[in-house]
Amino acid sequence: MTQAKVETVRRMLDAFNRDDIEAVIAAFDDDCEIVEPPEMPDSPAVGYRGHAGVRDWMGNLRGVTDARFEARSITPSGDRLLCELASTGLGQASGVAVEWVTYAVVELRGGKVKRIHVFLSEAEALEAMPPAAREPLTQAFEAARRRPTDAGSLAPFSRLLHAWEQWEAAHQAYLRARS
């Protein structure tokens, strides 16, 4: 059963990377929710709800041209999975390649994604997990961190670059509107 949960998340990420909106939506429960951190540009404070929210979420992420997610790790714990996601894309305004790392706590119900809560740090994501799961998950993340490639070291810079691109695009729109 645990492997089936992991595969559900992998299929959803693969569908997202193919830009297959219908397959992404099929992976989500009708009454689903996606909550992103407030630091993420253009994310609604209340998150995204239902299948219409999933469509909005995908549209928002497509603001970063060619956005892709790679699951660096998916660690199950009960009805939740803790995912470390390395993400890449191109800034829409600048065309500059951006990379960022997020941590998502994914809850499943009936084989579908019920809730995704995204965090910018591993510590925040671990806090959202049940207390009994934290120590094994911390050990699993430590093992993953020892891998030779670590995109996580660039995450703060990537977030700053993404915020700058968002500001640059808004500023250019403002200047066009004034003309």
Foldseek 3Di string as FASTA:
>chain_A
DVVLLVVLVVQLQVCLLVVVLVSNLVQADQFAFEAEDPLDPPADNRGATGSVSSVVVSVVQCQFPSKHWDFLDWDDDPQKIKTKIWIWGAHPVPRHIFIAIKIWIFGDDPSHTRYIYIGRDPVVSLVPDPPVVNPVVVVVVVVSCPDPDDCHVCHVVRSVVNVVSVVVVVVVVVVVVVD
